[in-house]
Amino acid sequence: MSALARGSIKMAFDSVRSTKWRSMLTMLGVIIGIVSVVMVVGIGEGVKREVARQIDQFGEDLITIRPGNVQAARSGGVANTDLLFGLNSVGGLTHNDLEVVRGSKHVHLAAPLSVVPGSVQAQDRKLENSLVIATNPDLPLVLNRAVSYGDFFDAKGENGSFAIIGQSVAQVLFDDSAPLGQSLTFRGRSFIVRGVFEDFKTTPLSPTADFNHAIFIPYNTAEKLTGSSLQIYSILVKPDRSENVALAVDAVNKRLLKSHGGEKDFSVLDQKHNLAASSSVLSLITAMIAAVAAISLLVGGVGVMNIMLASVTERTHEIGVRKAIGATNRQIMNQFILESTVLSLVGGIVGVAISLAGVFLLTIYTSLKPVVSWEAIAIATGASLVIGIVFGVAPAIKAARKDPIEALRYE
């Protein structure tokens, strides 16, 4: 680096330090923009990893059948905020669909998930917005999830009044981690608690798949309670062998397509497709929010430009003196661009530091687990650098075009 370049950089830092408060307020817009973008992207990436972990806990060979065409929904917009099982989908599958799936080649287990509306009561405690799911005995094996206490209902109990509950329900309704043998009332019928599921890992963007807050009852019993009006919002399938996932997906697709008269109004997804579908939705949401947050970066850039324009006016006499002793227009212009770059770059570095501190605090004090990559930090720092250069050009050109004689006369 030449002596001239070192001198210019030193002068730029001296200029910023000479007006500390004004420089700090100028950098504030850049800092806020960097913090917003870095943290939004970090939270989005963290949630994607949480969704991936949640999907992985059920095994790589899990196949999910949902109503509606997920591929079409992805291309046309976000149609479902439940990224895992689609339990809040509009419409549903039918009992006939379940039988078709069961009869498909390479299908070993098939468990329906059907939400049954209604409130649940146990003694003097009541759950108004309860998640009651009708399913069959295959569910524990399909989900790779054991029952911590008691056991799941078997084929003999498919017409019985049994309930298997999540750990959160056990605490809320009974204030007991293993309330086996106790009863709860749902739709005027008494159900005996037969088991309590192990803890399920959850993610904030798949609220209806939080089985810790769910109550599972036999599918046949639920059909009688609702007058055979149940709609299945998801069918979970396990193939006969883990290496036959693709074959099972193909067989189920063909049989369902034939059963639906050639209409592709369903989706058969293996875990890879589940993860891709959820990641695409999360990426879209993250990009939209990050784009909004990036506007504050532009506002910060405008702030830098305004301050640098004011600085040019204040330092008109200094510009005249420098030109009088031989400074060229290019040197004057480079000096002011360098000063605006220093302001933005320092703001960017401070913003990244605050972002990392914010991510650390979110990780400790909330359920969110943001992930900030080095790529995001590099892009944020580069963005602040570009903002300093771009928004410093106009003030620099104004300074360079100052007439030295008029500048020396300026008071």
Protein backbone atom coordinates (compact mmCIF):
# COMPACT_ATOMS: atom_id res chain seq x y z
CA MET A 1 0.00 0.00 0.00
CA SER A 2 1.40 3.39 -0.99
CA ALA A 3 1.99 6.22 1.46
CA LEU A 4 -0.73 8.23 -0.29
CA ALA A 5 -3.30 5.45 0.20
CA ARG A 6 -2.34 5.04 3.86
CA GLY A 7 -2.65 8.78 4.35
CA SER A 8 -6.10 8.82 2.73
CA ILE A 9 -7.34 5.97 4.96
CA LYS A 10 -5.96 7.69 8.07
CA MET A 11 -7.64 10.95 7.05
CA ALA A 12 -10.95 9.12 6.52
CA PHE A 13 -10.84 7.57 10.00
CA ASP A 14 -9.81 10.91 11.53
CA SER A 15 -12.77 12.59 9.84
CA VAL A 16 -15.18 9.98 11.20
CA ARG A 17 -13.71 10.23 14.71
CA SER A 18 -13.87 14.04 14.69
CA THR A 19 -17.68 13.88 14.60
CA LYS A 20 -18.32 10.81 16.75
CA TRP A 21 -21.98 11.31 17.56
CA ARG A 22 -22.95 12.27 14.04
CA SER A 23 -21.00 9.31 12.67
CA MET A 24 -22.69 6.93 15.12
CA LEU A 25 -26.15 8.16 14.18
CA THR A 26 -25.25 7.88 10.50
CA MET A 27 -24.11 4.29 10.97
CA LEU A 28 -27.28 3.41 12.90
CA GLY A 29 -29.34 2.89 9.73
CA VAL A 30 -26.71 0.55 8.31
CA ILE A 31 -26.43 -1.31 11.64
CA ILE A 32 -30.19 -1.84 11.87
CA GLY A 33 -30.33 -3.09 8.28
CA ILE A 34 -27.46 -5.54 8.75
CA VAL A 35 -28.89 -6.87 12.03
CA SER A 36 -32.33 -7.32 10.48
CA VAL A 37 -31.11 -9.19 7.42
CA VAL A 38 -28.54 -11.39 9.19
CA MET A 39 -30.92 -12.40 11.99
CA VAL A 40 -33.87 -13.08 9.66
CA VAL A 41 -31.72 -15.29 7.43
CA GLY A 42 -30.22 -16.98 10.52
CA ILE A 43 -33.63 -17.71 12.01
CA GLY A 44 -34.87 -19.06 8.66
CA GLU A 45 -31.87 -21.36 8.32
CA GLY A 46 -32.25 -22.49 11.93
CA VAL A 47 -35.92 -23.37 11.46
CA LYS A 48 -35.06 -25.30 8.28
CA ARG A 49 -32.59 -27.39 10.25
CA GLU A 50 -35.15 -27.94 13.01
CA VAL A 51 -37.69 -29.13 10.43
CA ALA A 52 -35.06 -31.47 8.97
CA ARG A 53 -34.36 -32.89 12.43
CA GLN A 54 -38.07 -33.30 13.09
CA ILE A 55 -38.50 -35.17 9.81
CA ASP A 56 -35.44 -37.34 10.49
CA GLN A 57 -36.77 -38.50 13.85
CA PHE A 58 -39.48 -40.50 12.07
CA GLY A 59 -37.00 -42.40 9.92
CA GLU A 60 -35.73 -42.02 6.37
CA ASP A 61 -38.27 -44.55 5.05
CA LEU A 62 -41.41 -42.67 6.15
CA ILE A 63 -43.82 -41.89 3.30
CA THR A 64 -46.44 -39.16 3.73
CA ILE A 65 -49.64 -39.00 1.68
CA ARG A 66 -51.44 -35.66 1.76
CA PRO A 67 -54.54 -34.26 0.07
CA GLY A 68 -53.85 -31.77 -2.71
CA ASN A 69 -50.94 -31.48 -5.11
CA VAL A 70 -48.00 -30.17 -3.08
CA GLN A 71 -45.93 -29.49 -6.22
CA ALA A 72 -48.70 -27.34 -7.69
CA ALA A 73 -49.18 -25.53 -4.39
CA ARG A 74 -45.47 -24.77 -4.19
CA SER A 75 -45.44 -23.21 -7.66
CA GLY A 76 -48.63 -21.24 -7.03
CA GLY A 77 -47.94 -20.03 -3.50
CA VAL A 78 -47.86 -21.20 0.08
CA ALA A 79 -50.99 -23.30 0.49
CA ASN A 80 -50.21 -24.98 3.79
CA THR A 81 -48.35 -23.67 6.81
CA ASP A 82 -47.98 -27.14 8.34
CA LEU A 83 -44.74 -28.22 6.74
CA LEU A 84 -44.65 -31.79 7.98
CA PHE A 85 -47.93 -33.67 7.79
CA GLY A 86 -50.41 -31.16 6.32
CA LEU A 87 -52.96 -31.60 9.09
CA ASN A 88 -54.53 -28.19 8.40
CA SER A 89 -55.05 -28.83 4.69
CA VAL A 90 -58.31 -27.87 3.04
CA GLY A 91 -60.15 -31.06 2.10
CA GLY A 92 -58.97 -34.52 2.97
CA LEU A 93 -58.46 -38.13 2.01
CA THR A 94 -61.10 -40.83 2.50
CA HIS A 95 -61.32 -44.22 4.13
CA ASN A 96 -61.28 -45.72 0.64
CA ASP A 97 -57.93 -43.99 0.02
CA LEU A 98 -56.59 -45.64 3.18
CA GLU A 99 -57.68 -49.07 1.93
CA VAL A 100 -56.12 -48.39 -1.49
CA VAL A 101 -52.83 -47.45 0.14
CA ARG A 102 -52.90 -50.53 2.38
CA GLY A 103 -53.37 -52.75 -0.66
CA SER A 104 -50.48 -51.24 -2.61
CA LYS A 105 -47.33 -53.25 -3.27
CA HIS A 106 -44.40 -52.82 -0.88
CA VAL A 107 -46.61 -51.10 1.75
CA HIS A 108 -46.13 -52.68 5.17
CA LEU A 109 -47.79 -50.19 7.54
CA ALA A 110 -50.31 -47.40 6.93
CA ALA A 111 -51.58 -45.10 9.69
CA PRO A 112 -54.26 -42.46 9.04
CA LEU A 113 -54.26 -39.11 10.81
CA SER A 114 -57.67 -37.52 11.15
CA VAL A 115 -58.39 -34.53 13.38
CA VAL A 116 -61.62 -34.86 15.35
CA PRO A 117 -62.98 -31.49 16.58
CA GLY A 118 -64.26 -31.13 20.10
CA SER A 119 -63.25 -30.23 23.64
CA VAL A 120 -61.70 -32.65 26.11
CA GLN A 121 -62.43 -32.70 29.82
CA ALA A 122 -60.86 -34.57 32.71
CA GLN A 123 -62.39 -33.99 36.14
CA ASP A 124 -62.42 -30.19 36.58
CA ARG A 125 -59.93 -29.44 33.77
CA LYS A 126 -60.93 -28.73 30.19
CA LEU A 127 -59.06 -28.39 26.88
CA GLU A 128 -61.05 -26.18 24.51
CA ASN A 129 -58.63 -26.25 21.57
CA SER A 130 -57.56 -29.84 21.91
CA LEU A 131 -55.84 -31.81 19.16
CA VAL A 132 -57.63 -35.16 19.03
CA ILE A 133 -56.31 -37.44 16.31
CA ALA A 134 -58.00 -40.60 15.11
CA THR A 135 -55.54 -43.27 13.98
CA ASN A 136 -54.88 -47.01 14.04
CA PRO A 137 -52.47 -49.38 15.84
CA ASP A 138 -49.75 -48.92 13.17
CA LEU A 139 -48.94 -45.36 14.29
CA PRO A 140 -46.15 -46.05 16.86
CA LEU A 141 -44.21 -48.23 14.41
CA VAL A 142 -44.73 -45.75 11.57
CA LEU A 143 -43.44 -42.84 13.66
CA ASN A 144 -40.60 -44.81 15.26
CA ARG A 145 -41.93 -43.55 18.56
CA ALA A 146 -42.41 -45.69 21.64
CA VAL A 147 -44.98 -45.27 24.39
CA SER A 148 -43.17 -44.19 27.56
CA TYR A 149 -45.86 -45.44 29.94
CA GLY A 150 -48.49 -48.08 29.25
CA ASP A 151 -49.00 -49.22 25.67
CA PHE A 152 -50.76 -48.31 22.42
CA PHE A 153 -54.12 -49.88 21.56
CA ASP A 154 -53.91 -53.00 19.39
CA ALA A 155 -56.21 -54.41 16.71
CA LYS A 156 -58.60 -55.69 19.39
CA GLY A 157 -58.90 -52.17 20.79
CA GLU A 158 -59.71 -50.40 17.51
CA ASN A 159 -63.36 -50.19 18.54
CA GLY A 160 -62.63 -49.44 22.18
CA SER A 161 -62.61 -46.27 24.25
CA PHE A 162 -58.89 -45.87 24.76
CA ALA A 163 -56.71 -42.78 24.54
CA ILE A 164 -52.96 -42.40 24.18
CA ILE A 165 -51.82 -38.91 25.07
CA GLY A 166 -48.79 -36.68 24.60
CA GLN A 167 -46.64 -35.62 27.53
CA SER A 168 -47.98 -32.05 27.56
CA VAL A 169 -51.57 -33.31 27.73
CA ALA A 170 -50.66 -35.55 30.67
CA GLN A 171 -49.39 -32.54 32.63
CA VAL A 172 -52.16 -30.13 31.64
CA LEU A 173 -55.14 -32.45 32.14
CA PHE A 174 -53.93 -34.66 34.97
CA ASP A 175 -50.85 -32.95 36.41
CA ASP A 176 -49.23 -36.37 36.22
CA SER A 177 -46.55 -37.75 33.89
CA ALA A 178 -48.20 -41.20 33.79
CA PRO A 179 -51.97 -40.93 34.37
CA LEU A 180 -52.65 -44.52 33.27
CA GLY A 181 -56.15 -45.78 33.95
CA GLN A 182 -57.57 -42.29 34.44
CA SER A 183 -60.41 -41.14 32.20
CA LEU A 184 -61.17 -38.16 30.00
CA THR A 185 -64.41 -37.20 28.31
CA PHE A 186 -64.63 -36.38 24.62
CA ARG A 187 -67.86 -35.85 22.67
CA GLY A 188 -69.86 -37.28 25.54
CA ARG A 189 -67.85 -40.50 25.66
CA SER A 190 -65.41 -41.57 28.34
CA PHE A 191 -61.92 -42.67 27.24
CA ILE A 192 -59.42 -44.49 29.43
CA VAL A 193 -55.82 -43.31 29.23
CA ARG A 194 -53.91 -46.37 28.08
CA GLY A 195 -50.50 -44.85 27.37
CA VAL A 196 -48.31 -41.74 27.20
CA PHE A 197 -46.06 -41.14 24.18
CA GLU A 198 -42.38 -40.32 24.39
CA ASP A 199 -41.48 -36.68 23.86
CA PHE A 200 -41.70 -35.48 20.25
CA LYS A 201 -39.28 -32.94 18.85
CA THR A 202 -41.23 -30.03 17.42
CA THR A 203 -40.73 -26.99 15.23
CA PRO A 204 -42.57 -23.65 15.43
CA LEU A 205 -43.73 -23.87 11.80
CA SER A 206 -45.46 -27.23 12.15
CA PRO A 207 -47.83 -26.54 15.05
CA THR A 208 -50.42 -29.20 14.22
CA ALA A 209 -47.72 -31.87 14.18
CA ASP A 210 -46.84 -31.16 17.81
CA PHE A 211 -47.92 -34.56 19.07
CA ASN A 212 -46.89 -33.66 22.62
CA HIS A 213 -50.23 -31.80 22.79
CA ALA A 214 -52.22 -34.51 20.99
CA ILE A 215 -54.69 -37.15 22.14
CA PHE A 216 -54.88 -40.30 19.99
CA ILE A 217 -58.07 -42.35 19.82
CA PRO A 218 -58.98 -45.40 17.68
CA TYR A 219 -60.03 -44.53 14.12
CA ASN A 220 -63.07 -46.85 14.17
CA THR A 221 -64.31 -45.31 17.41
CA ALA A 222 -63.89 -41.80 15.99
CA GLU A 223 -65.92 -42.75 12.91
CA LYS A 224 -68.83 -43.79 15.14
CA LEU A 225 -68.56 -40.55 17.13
CA THR A 226 -68.70 -38.42 13.98
CA GLY A 227 -71.22 -40.46 12.02
CA SER A 228 -68.63 -41.73 9.53
CA SER A 229 -67.85 -38.15 8.44
CA LEU A 230 -64.13 -38.31 9.21
CA GLN A 231 -61.67 -36.86 6.71
CA ILE A 232 -58.10 -38.14 6.72
CA TYR A 233 -55.62 -35.30 6.50
CA SER A 234 -52.56 -37.50 6.14
CA ILE A 235 -51.68 -41.15 5.72
CA LEU A 236 -48.28 -42.21 7.03
CA VAL A 237 -46.74 -45.24 5.36
CA LYS A 238 -43.78 -47.51 5.98
CA PRO A 239 -42.55 -49.80 3.18
CA ASP A 240 -41.90 -53.50 3.66
CA ARG A 241 -38.15 -52.77 3.38
CA SER A 242 -36.29 -49.49 3.75
CA GLU A 243 -34.69 -49.84 0.33
CA ASN A 244 -38.16 -50.13 -1.27
CA VAL A 245 -39.25 -46.56 -0.53
CA ALA A 246 -39.22 -45.51 -4.19
CA LEU A 247 -41.08 -48.65 -5.24
CA ALA A 248 -43.73 -48.09 -2.57
CA VAL A 249 -44.15 -44.43 -3.56
CA ASP A 250 -44.60 -45.43 -7.21
CA ALA A 251 -47.09 -48.18 -6.38
CA VAL A 252 -49.18 -45.93 -4.12
CA ASN A 253 -49.14 -43.13 -6.71
CA LYS A 254 -50.42 -45.45 -9.45
CA ARG A 255 -53.19 -47.00 -7.35
CA LEU A 256 -54.41 -43.67 -5.93
CA LEU A 257 -54.34 -42.05 -9.37
CA LYS A 258 -56.52 -44.86 -10.72
CA SER A 259 -58.84 -44.64 -7.69
CA HIS A 260 -59.21 -40.86 -8.19
CA GLY A 261 -60.13 -41.21 -11.85
CA GLY A 262 -56.78 -39.94 -13.11
CA GLU A 263 -56.99 -36.71 -11.05
CA LYS A 264 -53.71 -35.88 -9.25
CA ASP A 265 -55.37 -34.25 -6.22
CA PHE A 266 -53.05 -35.90 -3.71
CA SER A 267 -49.32 -36.01 -2.98
CA VAL A 268 -47.16 -39.01 -2.09
CA LEU A 269 -43.94 -37.73 -0.51
CA ASP A 270 -40.92 -39.55 0.79
CA GLN A 271 -38.73 -37.85 3.41
CA LYS A 272 -36.53 -36.25 0.76
CA HIS A 273 -39.56 -34.62 -0.87
CA ASN A 274 -40.98 -33.65 2.52
CA LEU A 275 -37.76 -31.86 3.35
CA ALA A 276 -37.61 -30.21 -0.08
CA ALA A 277 -41.21 -29.00 0.22
CA SER A 278 -40.68 -27.57 3.70
CA SER A 279 -37.33 -26.01 2.75
CA SER A 280 -38.81 -24.28 -0.30
CA VAL A 281 -41.63 -22.78 1.78
CA LEU A 282 -39.23 -21.62 4.48
CA SER A 283 -36.80 -20.21 1.92
CA LEU A 284 -39.62 -18.23 0.31
CA ILE A 285 -40.79 -16.85 3.66
CA THR A 286 -37.22 -16.01 4.70
CA ALA A 287 -36.48 -14.30 1.38
CA MET A 288 -39.65 -12.19 1.61
CA ILE A 289 -38.90 -11.03 5.15
CA ALA A 290 -35.22 -10.46 4.37
CA ALA A 291 -36.19 -8.34 1.36
CA VAL A 292 -38.34 -6.16 3.59
CA ALA A 293 -35.53 -5.94 6.15
CA ALA A 294 -33.09 -4.98 3.38
CA ILE A 295 -35.07 -1.79 2.79
CA SER A 296 -33.62 -0.46 6.04
CA LEU A 297 -30.17 -0.93 4.48
CA LEU A 298 -31.19 1.39 1.66
CA VAL A 299 -32.50 3.88 4.20
CA GLY A 300 -29.15 3.64 5.97
CA GLY A 301 -27.39 4.30 2.66
CA VAL A 302 -29.50 7.41 2.08
CA GLY A 303 -28.54 8.56 5.59
CA VAL A 304 -24.85 8.13 4.74
CA MET A 305 -25.31 10.14 1.54
CA ASN A 306 -27.11 12.98 3.34
CA ILE A 307 -24.42 13.26 5.99
CA MET A 308 -21.66 13.20 3.39
CA LEU A 309 -23.42 15.96 1.39
CA ALA A 310 -23.60 18.05 4.57
CA SER A 311 -19.93 17.26 5.20
CA VAL A 312 -18.99 18.49 1.71
CA THR A 313 -20.72 21.80 2.40
CA GLU A 314 -19.07 22.17 5.82
CA ARG A 315 -15.62 21.38 4.42
CA THR A 316 -15.81 23.58 1.34
CA HIS A 317 -12.90 25.73 2.54
CA GLU A 318 -10.82 22.60 3.26
CA ILE A 319 -11.52 21.35 -0.27
CA GLY A 320 -10.38 24.70 -1.66
CA VAL A 321 -7.12 24.56 0.32
CA ARG A 322 -6.39 20.99 -0.82
CA LYS A 323 -7.01 21.90 -4.46
CA ALA A 324 -4.84 25.00 -4.11
CA ILE A 325 -1.86 22.91 -3.00
CA GLY A 326 -2.24 20.43 -5.85
CA ALA A 327 -4.95 17.88 -5.01
CA THR A 328 -6.71 16.61 -8.14
CA ASN A 329 -10.45 16.15 -8.62
CA ARG A 330 -9.95 12.36 -8.51
CA GLN A 331 -8.09 12.57 -5.18
CA ILE A 332 -10.85 14.72 -3.67
CA MET A 333 -13.52 12.35 -4.97
CA ASN A 334 -11.69 9.25 -3.71
CA GLN A 335 -11.29 10.85 -0.29
CA PHE A 336 -15.04 11.38 0.21
CA ILE A 337 -15.92 7.95 -1.21
CA LEU A 338 -13.41 6.47 1.23
CA GLU A 339 -14.99 8.32 4.16
CA SER A 340 -18.52 7.13 3.28
CA THR A 341 -17.15 3.59 2.84
CA VAL A 342 -15.54 3.73 6.29
CA LEU A 343 -18.85 4.85 7.81
CA SER A 344 -20.80 2.01 6.15
CA LEU A 345 -18.16 -0.65 6.68
CA VAL A 346 -17.79 0.12 10.39
CA GLY A 347 -21.60 0.11 10.67
CA GLY A 348 -21.67 -3.27 8.92
CA ILE A 349 -19.07 -4.77 11.25
CA VAL A 350 -20.93 -3.46 14.31
CA GLY A 351 -24.18 -4.81 12.85
CA VAL A 352 -22.66 -8.28 12.37
CA ALA A 353 -21.35 -8.24 15.97
CA ILE A 354 -24.80 -7.29 17.30
CA SER A 355 -26.37 -10.00 15.11
CA LEU A 356 -24.11 -12.65 16.59
CA ALA A 357 -24.95 -11.45 20.10
CA GLY A 358 -28.67 -11.52 19.23
CA VAL A 359 -28.40 -15.07 17.86
CA PHE A 360 -26.63 -16.15 21.05
CA LEU A 361 -29.38 -14.64 23.23
CA LEU A 362 -32.16 -16.20 21.11
CA THR A 363 -30.49 -19.60 21.39
CA ILE A 364 -30.27 -19.33 25.19
CA TYR A 365 -33.61 -17.73 26.06
CA THR A 366 -36.02 -18.97 23.34
CA SER A 367 -36.90 -22.20 21.54
CA LEU A 368 -35.49 -20.79 18.29
CA LYS A 369 -32.08 -22.02 17.17
CA PRO A 370 -30.84 -19.51 14.57
CA VAL A 371 -27.88 -20.49 12.41
CA VAL A 372 -25.66 -17.72 11.03
CA SER A 373 -23.30 -18.91 8.31
CA TRP A 374 -20.02 -17.31 7.35
CA GLU A 375 -21.51 -16.73 3.91
CA ALA A 376 -24.26 -14.57 5.45
CA ILE A 377 -21.68 -12.58 7.42
CA ALA A 378 -19.54 -12.09 4.30
CA ILE A 379 -22.56 -10.98 2.25
CA ALA A 380 -23.67 -8.56 4.99
CA THR A 381 -20.21 -7.04 5.25
CA GLY A 382 -19.95 -6.80 1.47
CA ALA A 383 -23.38 -5.15 1.30
CA SER A 384 -22.32 -2.46 3.76
CA LEU A 385 -19.17 -1.87 1.71
CA VAL A 386 -21.18 -1.51 -1.51
CA ILE A 387 -23.64 0.86 0.17
CA GLY A 388 -20.77 3.09 1.30
CA ILE A 389 -19.32 3.26 -2.21
CA VAL A 390 -22.62 3.70 -4.07
CA PHE A 391 -24.13 6.30 -1.76
CA GLY A 392 -20.81 8.10 -1.40
CA VAL A 393 -20.47 8.78 -5.13
CA ALA A 394 -22.86 11.76 -5.34
CA PRO A 395 -21.26 13.68 -2.42
CA ALA A 396 -17.78 12.83 -3.76
CA ILE A 397 -18.62 14.17 -7.24
CA LYS A 398 -20.03 17.35 -5.69
CA ALA A 399 -16.83 17.81 -3.68
CA ALA A 400 -14.60 17.17 -6.69
CA ARG A 401 -16.44 19.75 -8.81
CA LYS A 402 -15.93 22.55 -6.31
CA ASP A 403 -14.23 25.55 -7.85
CA PRO A 404 -11.02 26.11 -5.81
CA ILE A 405 -11.29 29.91 -5.86
CA GLU A 406 -14.93 29.91 -4.74
CA ALA A 407 -14.10 27.23 -2.17
CA LEU A 408 -11.30 29.36 -0.65
CA ARG A 409 -13.69 32.30 -0.35
CA TYR A 410 -16.29 30.15 1.49
CA GLU A 411 -16.68 30.95 5.19
